[in-house]
Amino acid sequence: MVNWSLIRSNGGRDSSNKIRKSIVSFMTKHHPGSVIDSIERKYNAYKINLMNGLCLVFDEDGRYVKSN
């Protein structure tokens, strides 16, 4: 289970809630049942590593950018 409270943004609490909601919505729709291994904040992006080896990148607003 991911500790979503660790995800913060420069925009404050409301902004970080929006980012979490966006990422969770994407994960639910496109990767149901996937388990998140880790989340890293990289400058202006979020890198989410899944247990199956897939890496998803989201921008600073929580919008999906690409998979590695």
C-alpha atoms as a PDB file:
ATOM      1  CA  MET A   1       0.000   0.000   0.000  1.00  0.00           C
ATOM      2  CA  VAL A   2       1.267   3.456  -0.874  1.00  0.00           C
ATOM      3  CA  ASN A   3       1.393   6.260   1.676  1.00  0.00           C
ATOM      4  CA  TRP A   4      -0.263   8.958  -0.463  1.00  0.00           C
ATOM      5  CA  SER A   5       0.334  11.592   2.209  1.00  0.00           C
ATOM      6  CA  LEU A   6       3.983  11.600   1.132  1.00  0.00           C
ATOM      7  CA  ILE A   7       3.011  13.115  -2.200  1.00  0.00           C
ATOM      8  CA  ARG A   8       3.016  16.886  -1.865  1.00  0.00           C
ATOM      9  CA  SER A   9       3.125  19.698  -4.339  1.00  0.00           C
ATOM     10  CA  ASN A  10       4.097  23.350  -4.301  1.00  0.00           C
ATOM     11  CA  GLY A  11       0.419  24.239  -4.606  1.00  0.00           C
ATOM     12  CA  GLY A  12      -0.408  22.979  -1.131  1.00  0.00           C
ATOM     13  CA  ARG A  13      -2.861  20.428   0.170  1.00  0.00           C
ATOM     14  CA  ASP A  14      -5.636  20.938  -2.395  1.00  0.00           C
ATOM     15  CA  SER A  15      -3.163  20.609  -5.242  1.00  0.00           C
ATOM     16  CA  SER A  16      -1.618  17.416  -3.839  1.00  0.00           C
ATOM     17  CA  ASN A  17      -5.107  15.904  -3.421  1.00  0.00           C
ATOM     18  CA  LYS A  18      -5.781  16.621  -7.110  1.00  0.00           C
ATOM     19  CA  ILE A  19      -2.505  14.954  -8.110  1.00  0.00           C
ATOM     20  CA  ARG A  20      -3.287  11.843  -6.064  1.00  0.00           C
ATOM     21  CA  LYS A  21      -6.812  11.658  -7.471  1.00  0.00           C
ATOM     22  CA  SER A  22      -5.515  11.942 -11.034  1.00  0.00           C
ATOM     23  CA  ILE A  23      -2.883   9.220 -10.560  1.00  0.00           C
ATOM     24  CA  VAL A  24      -5.273   6.862  -8.748  1.00  0.00           C
ATOM     25  CA  SER A  25      -7.887   7.386 -11.464  1.00  0.00           C
ATOM     26  CA  PHE A  26      -5.356   6.550 -14.195  1.00  0.00           C
ATOM     27  CA  MET A  27      -4.115   3.474 -12.322  1.00  0.00           C
ATOM     28  CA  THR A  28      -7.659   2.202 -11.720  1.00  0.00           C
ATOM     29  CA  LYS A  29      -8.615   2.604 -15.367  1.00  0.00           C
ATOM     30  CA  HIS A  30      -5.427   1.440 -17.125  1.00  0.00           C
ATOM     31  CA  HIS A  31      -3.681  -0.844 -14.613  1.00  0.00           C
ATOM     32  CA  PRO A  32      -6.371  -2.400 -12.386  1.00  0.00           C
ATOM     33  CA  GLY A  33      -4.975  -4.837  -9.859  1.00  0.00           C
ATOM     34  CA  SER A  34      -1.394  -3.589 -10.294  1.00  0.00           C
ATOM     35  CA  VAL A  35       0.645  -3.134  -7.147  1.00  0.00           C
ATOM     36  CA  ILE A  36       2.762  -0.003  -6.733  1.00  0.00           C
ATOM     37  CA  ASP A  37       6.295  -0.762  -5.586  1.00  0.00           C
ATOM     38  CA  SER A  38       7.492   2.833  -5.158  1.00  0.00           C
ATOM     39  CA  ILE A  39       6.808   6.460  -6.005  1.00  0.00           C
ATOM     40  CA  GLU A  40       9.592   8.945  -6.617  1.00  0.00           C
ATOM     41  CA  ARG A  41       9.365  12.692  -7.093  1.00  0.00           C
ATOM     42  CA  LYS A  42      11.801  13.736  -9.814  1.00  0.00           C
ATOM     43  CA  TYR A  43      11.962  17.530 -10.251  1.00  0.00           C
ATOM     44  CA  ASN A  44       8.641  18.247 -11.972  1.00  0.00           C
ATOM     45  CA  ALA A  45       7.465  14.657 -12.420  1.00  0.00           C
ATOM     46  CA  TYR A  46       6.382  11.576 -10.495  1.00  0.00           C
ATOM     47  CA  LYS A  47       7.876   8.195 -11.319  1.00  0.00           C
ATOM     48  CA  ILE A  48       5.758   5.224 -10.226  1.00  0.00           C
ATOM     49  CA  ASN A  49       7.320   1.770 -10.280  1.00  0.00           C
ATOM     50  CA  LEU A  50       4.942  -1.171 -10.382  1.00  0.00           C
ATOM     51  CA  MET A  51       5.719  -4.630  -9.001  1.00  0.00           C
ATOM     52  CA  ASN A  52       5.470  -6.082 -12.533  1.00  0.00           C
ATOM     53  CA  GLY A  53       8.509  -3.993 -13.587  1.00  0.00           C
ATOM     54  CA  LEU A  54       6.596  -1.294 -15.473  1.00  0.00           C
ATOM     55  CA  CYS A  55       7.492   2.322 -14.735  1.00  0.00           C
ATOM     56  CA  LEU A  56       4.908   5.084 -15.242  1.00  0.00           C
ATOM     57  CA  VAL A  57       5.775   8.773 -15.430  1.00  0.00           C
ATOM     58  CA  PHE A  58       3.306  11.548 -14.533  1.00  0.00           C
ATOM     59  CA  ASP A  59       3.842  15.296 -14.822  1.00  0.00           C
ATOM     60  CA  GLU A  60       3.734  17.700 -11.885  1.00  0.00           C
ATOM     61  CA  ASP A  61      -0.058  17.952 -12.191  1.00  0.00           C
ATOM     62  CA  GLY A  62      -0.566  14.184 -12.062  1.00  0.00           C
ATOM     63  CA  ARG A  63      -1.176  13.729 -15.798  1.00  0.00           C
ATOM     64  CA  TYR A  64       0.202  10.573 -17.419  1.00  0.00           C
ATOM     65  CA  VAL A  65       3.245  11.212 -19.649  1.00  0.00           C
ATOM     66  CA  LYS A  66       4.793   7.850 -20.574  1.00  0.00           C
ATOM     67  CA  SER A  67       5.722   4.290 -19.593  1.00  0.00           C
ATOM     68  CA  ASN A  68       9.255   2.931 -19.391  1.00  0.00           C
END
